């Protein structure tokens, strides 16, 4: 599979705007590990190889355990491997990413409100939404995962 186009070169202002949102998310009170886990889970749902490769590498560089990465897709069955904030964020990420199917039900919102402040819920939703945009850009324009380039 070859890249269709480099959207960073075609629309540098658009790419810069997305990078600005990425920078904002990085500046929030949300833990970088939690954000990267959410980015990885959203990318799993959307099947974005480029983003799966990137966020797996990011988490490994942060010292994340292989077991948690291996079980992220099945986090609900992983017991206490993921803490309450992570489990709540992952549930919220799945519901928001699959909004057409879920409608983001009240019980998901109520669960998030018990664990996160209003600001954190908004910031988390911005992070989830941003990753959904990045996944769609990478898939649509066939970004090549680093692992493929290194072969």
Protein backbone atom coordinates (compact mmCIF):
# COMPACT_ATOMS: atom_id res chain seq x y z
CA UNK A 1 0.00 0.00 0.00
CA UNK A 2 1.41 3.39 -0.92
CA UNK A 3 0.60 6.78 0.47
CA UNK A 4 -2.00 8.64 -1.57
CA UNK A 5 -0.83 12.08 -0.54
CA UNK A 6 0.94 13.86 2.29
CA UNK A 7 -1.79 15.93 3.91
CA UNK A 8 0.82 17.77 5.98
CA UNK A 9 2.31 19.19 2.76
CA UNK A 10 -0.99 19.69 0.92
CA UNK A 11 -2.66 21.49 3.83
CA UNK A 12 0.01 22.76 6.21
CA UNK A 13 -2.44 25.15 7.90
CA UNK A 14 -4.89 22.30 8.53
CA UNK A 15 -2.13 20.04 9.84
CA UNK A 16 -0.88 22.86 12.06
CA UNK A 17 -4.39 23.30 13.47
CA UNK A 18 -4.59 19.61 14.35
CA UNK A 19 -1.11 19.81 15.90
CA UNK A 20 -2.35 22.72 18.00
CA UNK A 21 -5.15 20.56 19.40
CA UNK A 22 -2.63 17.78 20.01
CA UNK A 23 -0.48 20.28 21.92
CA UNK A 24 -3.48 21.39 23.94
CA UNK A 25 -4.29 17.81 24.94
CA UNK A 26 -0.65 17.33 25.98
CA UNK A 27 -0.92 20.38 28.26
CA UNK A 28 -3.99 19.18 30.17
CA UNK A 29 -4.05 17.56 33.59
CA UNK A 30 -4.74 14.16 32.02
CA UNK A 31 -1.87 11.74 32.49
CA UNK A 32 0.19 11.16 29.33
CA UNK A 33 -0.12 7.39 29.80
CA UNK A 34 -3.91 7.63 30.06
CA UNK A 35 -4.07 9.80 26.93
CA UNK A 36 -1.80 7.43 24.98
CA UNK A 37 -3.88 4.42 26.09
CA UNK A 38 -6.98 6.22 24.84
CA UNK A 39 -5.25 7.10 21.56
CA UNK A 40 -4.24 3.47 21.12
CA UNK A 41 -7.71 2.13 21.95
CA UNK A 42 -9.42 4.55 19.54
CA UNK A 43 -6.92 3.51 16.86
CA UNK A 44 -7.69 -0.17 17.55
CA UNK A 45 -11.40 0.47 17.08
CA UNK A 46 -10.80 2.36 13.84
CA UNK A 47 -8.19 -0.09 12.54
CA UNK A 48 -5.55 2.56 11.87
CA UNK A 49 -2.23 0.75 11.38
CA UNK A 50 -0.22 3.97 11.25
CA UNK A 51 -1.61 5.19 14.60
CA UNK A 52 -1.47 1.73 16.20
CA UNK A 53 2.23 1.59 15.39
CA UNK A 54 2.88 5.13 16.62
CA UNK A 55 0.99 4.93 19.91
CA UNK A 56 2.31 1.48 20.76
CA UNK A 57 5.83 2.86 20.33
CA UNK A 58 4.93 5.96 22.38
CA UNK A 59 3.66 3.82 25.25
CA UNK A 60 6.67 1.51 25.16
CA UNK A 61 8.97 4.56 25.26
CA UNK A 62 7.06 5.76 28.34
CA UNK A 63 7.86 2.42 30.00
CA UNK A 64 4.43 0.87 29.56
CA UNK A 65 4.27 -2.87 30.19
CA UNK A 66 3.79 -5.18 27.23
CA UNK A 67 1.03 -7.05 29.09
CA UNK A 68 -1.11 -3.91 29.28
CA UNK A 69 -0.61 -3.19 25.60
CA UNK A 70 -1.44 -6.79 24.70
CA UNK A 71 -4.64 -6.71 26.74
CA UNK A 72 -5.80 -3.19 25.93
CA UNK A 73 -8.32 -4.40 23.37
CA UNK A 74 -9.82 -6.67 26.05
CA UNK A 75 -9.41 -4.22 28.94
CA UNK A 76 -12.82 -5.07 30.41
CA UNK A 77 -11.58 -8.62 31.04
CA UNK A 78 -8.18 -7.55 32.36
CA UNK A 79 -9.28 -7.03 35.95
CA UNK A 80 -7.17 -4.54 37.87
CA UNK A 81 -4.48 -4.34 35.17
CA UNK A 82 -6.03 -0.97 34.31
CA UNK A 83 -6.94 1.40 37.13
CA UNK A 84 -10.34 3.02 37.60
CA UNK A 85 -9.45 6.21 35.72
CA UNK A 86 -8.05 4.21 32.81
CA UNK A 87 -11.07 1.87 32.65
CA UNK A 88 -13.45 4.82 32.77
CA UNK A 89 -11.50 6.69 30.09
CA UNK A 90 -11.41 3.61 27.86
CA UNK A 91 -15.17 3.08 28.23
CA UNK A 92 -15.76 6.75 27.40
CA UNK A 93 -13.39 6.51 24.42
CA UNK A 94 -15.23 3.50 23.03
CA UNK A 95 -18.64 5.11 23.46
CA UNK A 96 -17.58 8.42 21.90
CA UNK A 97 -15.72 6.72 19.03
CA UNK A 98 -18.72 4.51 18.27
CA UNK A 99 -21.19 7.39 18.70
CA UNK A 100 -23.35 6.32 15.74
CA UNK A 101 -24.00 3.00 17.50
CA UNK A 102 -23.96 4.08 21.14
CA UNK A 103 -25.39 7.59 21.19
CA UNK A 104 -23.06 8.02 24.21
CA UNK A 105 -25.62 6.94 26.80
CA UNK A 106 -26.29 8.66 30.10
CA UNK A 107 -24.83 5.79 32.12
CA UNK A 108 -21.46 6.24 30.36
CA UNK A 109 -21.53 9.96 31.08
CA UNK A 110 -22.54 9.38 34.70
CA UNK A 111 -19.68 6.92 35.13
CA UNK A 112 -17.21 9.42 33.68
CA UNK A 113 -18.51 12.20 35.97
CA UNK A 114 -17.80 10.07 39.03
CA UNK A 115 -14.11 9.77 38.10
CA UNK A 116 -13.25 12.89 36.10
CA UNK A 117 -13.90 16.58 36.61
CA UNK A 118 -15.98 18.40 34.00
CA UNK A 119 -12.78 19.89 32.57
CA UNK A 120 -11.18 16.46 32.35
CA UNK A 121 -14.24 14.99 30.60
CA UNK A 122 -14.13 17.77 28.02
CA UNK A 123 -10.36 17.39 27.56
CA UNK A 124 -10.69 13.62 27.29
CA UNK A 125 -13.43 14.02 24.68
CA UNK A 126 -11.23 16.44 22.74
CA UNK A 127 -8.42 13.85 22.82
CA UNK A 128 -10.77 11.09 21.64
CA UNK A 129 -12.16 13.28 18.88
CA UNK A 130 -8.69 14.32 17.77
CA UNK A 131 -7.55 10.71 17.48
CA UNK A 132 -10.65 9.88 15.45
CA UNK A 133 -9.67 12.70 13.06
CA UNK A 134 -6.06 11.53 12.86
CA UNK A 135 -7.21 7.93 12.26
CA UNK A 136 -9.44 9.04 9.41
CA UNK A 137 -6.68 11.13 7.87
CA UNK A 138 -4.08 8.34 8.13
CA UNK A 139 -6.43 5.68 6.76
CA UNK A 140 -7.85 7.87 3.97
CA UNK A 141 -4.45 8.94 2.68
CA UNK A 142 -2.68 5.62 3.45
CA UNK A 143 0.00 6.77 5.87
CA UNK A 144 2.63 4.05 6.07
CA UNK A 145 3.36 2.70 9.57
CA UNK A 146 6.96 3.10 10.71
CA UNK A 147 7.21 -0.67 11.17
CA UNK A 148 6.63 -1.14 7.43
CA UNK A 149 9.18 1.51 6.54
CA UNK A 150 11.79 -0.18 8.74
CA UNK A 151 11.44 -3.54 6.99
